[in-house]
Amino acid sequence: MKIAKNNVVVMHYAVSDNDGTLIDSSYDDKPMAIIQGTGYLIPGLDEALIDHQAGDKFEVAVACEQAYGERHEDYVQTVPREVLAGVEDLGLGTQLRATTDDGEQTVIVIDVQDDQITVDGNHPLAGLDLSFDVEVIEVREATADELEHGHVHGEGGCGHSH
């Protein structure tokens, strides 16, 4: 079966940046299972899966525009420490939820000074072109429950109530 929208795809992947530095991989763990075309994957990888089938191994280069987008320097802001008073463990890499003009957004602390905190609202991979090595393990029709719930169910259902 060739991969098409709303198929369940079980796959291994490894993703690297332009310098060949490995960012993430599923090969040493369980494969990833997704419903094709539901927005779980970045657009460039989602599109690259179309028409592949179980057993296919391929590489795909994904430009940042089809991955996590361009970096926006205006998403980096320095705020007075008192704005974040009450936040425990406020250190480099701490992820916080912030209310913006575009709604709730995750920001990451990138600098901590005595009186100021700098946060970055860009995705950590924004601005990077990515390379994926993909191995398609299984392709099947999604069940009605999976489509309704928006995720792949393992044996015995999804293990939570909706």
Protein backbone atom coordinates (compact mmCIF):
# COMPACT_ATOMS: atom_id res chain seq x y z
CA MET A 1 0.00 0.00 0.00
CA LYS A 2 1.34 3.42 -0.93
CA ILE A 3 1.21 6.19 1.65
CA ALA A 4 -1.71 8.58 1.22
CA LYS A 5 -3.61 11.02 3.44
CA ASN A 6 -5.10 9.43 6.58
CA ASN A 7 -2.96 6.28 6.36
CA VAL A 8 -1.15 5.15 9.49
CA VAL A 9 2.59 5.25 8.83
CA VAL A 10 5.06 3.52 11.14
CA MET A 11 8.61 4.65 10.44
CA HIS A 12 12.10 5.13 11.74
CA TYR A 13 13.84 8.43 11.10
CA ALA A 14 17.08 10.25 11.76
CA VAL A 15 17.25 14.02 11.35
CA SER A 16 20.45 16.04 10.91
CA ASP A 17 21.29 19.67 10.28
CA ASN A 18 23.21 21.01 7.25
CA ASP A 19 26.52 20.18 8.93
CA GLY A 20 25.49 16.54 9.31
CA THR A 21 25.06 16.85 13.07
CA LEU A 22 22.49 14.33 14.29
CA ILE A 23 19.59 16.11 16.02
CA ASP A 24 17.23 13.22 16.73
CA SER A 25 16.70 9.59 15.76
CA SER A 26 14.21 6.82 16.45
CA TYR A 27 16.51 4.01 15.30
CA ASP A 28 17.67 3.16 18.83
CA ASP A 29 14.13 3.28 20.20
CA LYS A 30 10.60 2.54 19.03
CA PRO A 31 9.58 3.71 15.55
CA MET A 32 7.26 6.69 15.23
CA ALA A 33 3.62 6.06 14.26
CA ILE A 34 1.63 8.92 12.72
CA ILE A 35 -1.51 9.51 10.71
CA GLN A 36 -0.37 10.92 7.37
CA GLY A 37 -1.54 14.43 6.53
CA THR A 38 -2.87 15.41 9.96
CA GLY A 39 -0.20 18.05 10.67
CA TYR A 40 1.84 15.99 13.14
CA LEU A 41 4.95 16.14 10.93
CA ILE A 42 6.65 19.17 9.44
CA PRO A 43 5.23 19.89 5.96
CA GLY A 44 8.37 18.90 4.03
CA LEU A 45 8.59 15.44 5.61
CA ASP A 46 4.82 14.93 5.46
CA GLU A 47 4.88 15.63 1.71
CA ALA A 48 7.96 13.43 1.12
CA LEU A 49 6.18 10.37 2.55
CA ILE A 50 3.42 10.41 -0.10
CA ASP A 51 3.53 7.38 -2.43
CA HIS A 52 6.23 5.56 -0.43
CA GLN A 53 5.42 2.11 0.94
CA ALA A 54 6.55 -0.33 3.62
CA GLY A 55 10.19 -1.31 3.12
CA ASP A 56 11.17 1.98 1.45
CA LYS A 57 14.31 3.69 2.73
CA PHE A 58 15.00 7.20 1.50
CA GLU A 59 16.64 10.51 2.30
CA VAL A 60 14.94 13.87 2.01
CA ALA A 61 16.30 17.40 2.39
CA VAL A 62 13.78 19.81 3.90
CA ALA A 63 14.34 23.57 3.61
CA CYS A 64 13.63 25.56 6.77
CA GLU A 65 10.49 27.06 5.19
CA GLN A 66 9.03 23.52 4.99
CA ALA A 67 10.36 22.59 8.44
CA TYR A 68 10.12 24.95 11.43
CA GLY A 69 10.24 28.20 9.48
CA GLU A 70 12.68 31.08 9.44
CA ARG A 71 14.12 32.50 12.66
CA HIS A 72 12.53 35.77 13.73
CA GLU A 73 14.77 37.96 15.88
CA ASP A 74 11.70 39.84 17.16
CA TYR A 75 10.67 36.59 18.90
CA VAL A 76 13.66 37.10 21.23
CA GLN A 77 12.82 39.40 24.13
CA THR A 78 14.51 40.52 27.32
CA VAL A 79 12.17 41.11 30.25
CA PRO A 80 12.72 42.31 33.81
CA ARG A 81 13.22 39.38 36.20
CA GLU A 82 10.23 40.51 38.30
CA VAL A 83 7.92 39.72 35.34
CA LEU A 84 8.78 36.05 35.99
CA ALA A 85 8.67 36.25 39.78
CA GLY A 86 7.39 33.00 41.25
CA VAL A 87 8.76 30.82 38.45
CA GLU A 88 10.92 28.12 40.01
CA ASP A 89 14.09 26.75 38.41
CA LEU A 90 14.47 29.70 36.04
CA GLY A 91 17.64 28.67 34.19
CA LEU A 92 18.98 28.31 30.68
CA GLY A 93 16.74 26.05 28.62
CA THR A 94 13.69 26.45 30.88
CA GLN A 95 10.52 26.34 28.78
CA LEU A 96 7.70 28.68 29.70
CA ARG A 97 4.25 29.40 28.30
CA ALA A 98 3.76 33.03 27.32
CA THR A 99 0.67 34.93 26.22
CA THR A 100 1.34 36.77 22.96
CA ASP A 101 -0.72 38.69 20.42
CA ASP A 102 -1.01 35.35 18.56
CA GLY A 103 -2.14 33.39 21.64
CA GLU A 104 -0.25 31.00 23.92
CA GLN A 105 3.31 30.22 22.85
CA THR A 106 6.24 28.29 24.28
CA VAL A 107 9.37 30.35 24.92
CA ILE A 108 12.78 29.13 26.04
CA VAL A 109 15.06 30.96 28.46
CA ILE A 110 18.32 31.69 26.63
CA ASP A 111 20.00 34.12 29.05
CA VAL A 112 19.70 34.78 32.78
CA GLN A 113 21.08 37.94 34.39
CA ASP A 114 20.56 39.30 37.90
CA ASP A 115 17.78 41.66 36.82
CA GLN A 116 16.84 40.45 33.31
CA ILE A 117 15.75 37.25 31.60
CA THR A 118 15.98 36.73 27.83
CA VAL A 119 13.50 34.36 26.21
CA ASP A 120 13.26 33.05 22.65
CA GLY A 121 9.89 32.22 21.07
CA ASN A 122 11.43 30.62 17.98
CA HIS A 123 11.29 26.85 17.67
CA PRO A 124 14.79 25.52 18.51
CA LEU A 125 15.13 24.27 14.91
CA ALA A 126 13.80 27.45 13.24
CA GLY A 127 16.06 28.68 10.46
CA LEU A 128 17.65 25.28 9.89
CA ASP A 129 17.52 23.22 6.73
CA LEU A 130 17.13 19.58 7.78
CA SER A 131 18.01 16.18 6.30
CA PHE A 132 16.00 13.07 7.12
CA ASP A 133 16.87 9.41 6.67
CA VAL A 134 13.58 7.52 6.70
CA GLU A 135 12.67 3.83 6.78
CA VAL A 136 8.98 3.06 6.27
CA ILE A 137 8.10 -0.01 8.32
CA GLU A 138 4.32 -0.25 7.98
CA VAL A 139 1.51 1.46 6.09
CA ARG A 140 -2.15 0.73 6.77
CA GLU A 141 -5.55 2.35 6.74
CA ALA A 142 -6.31 4.34 9.87
CA THR A 143 -9.30 3.11 11.85
CA ALA A 144 -12.34 5.33 12.35
CA ASP A 145 -11.38 5.72 16.04
CA GLU A 146 -7.84 6.78 15.13
CA LEU A 147 -9.13 9.37 12.67
CA GLU A 148 -11.66 10.66 15.20
CA HIS A 149 -9.06 10.89 17.98
CA GLY A 150 -6.32 12.22 15.69
CA HIS A 151 -3.62 9.75 16.68
CA VAL A 152 -2.52 6.14 16.19
CA HIS A 153 -3.81 3.57 18.66
CA GLY A 154 -1.70 0.64 19.77
CA GLU A 155 -3.10 -2.77 20.52
CA GLY A 156 -6.05 -2.47 22.90
CA GLY A 157 -6.91 1.11 21.96
CA CYS A 158 -5.22 4.35 22.94
CA GLY A 159 -5.26 3.83 26.69
CA HIS A 160 -7.11 6.99 27.64
CA SER A 161 -10.63 8.31 27.56
CA HIS A 162 -11.82 11.01 25.17
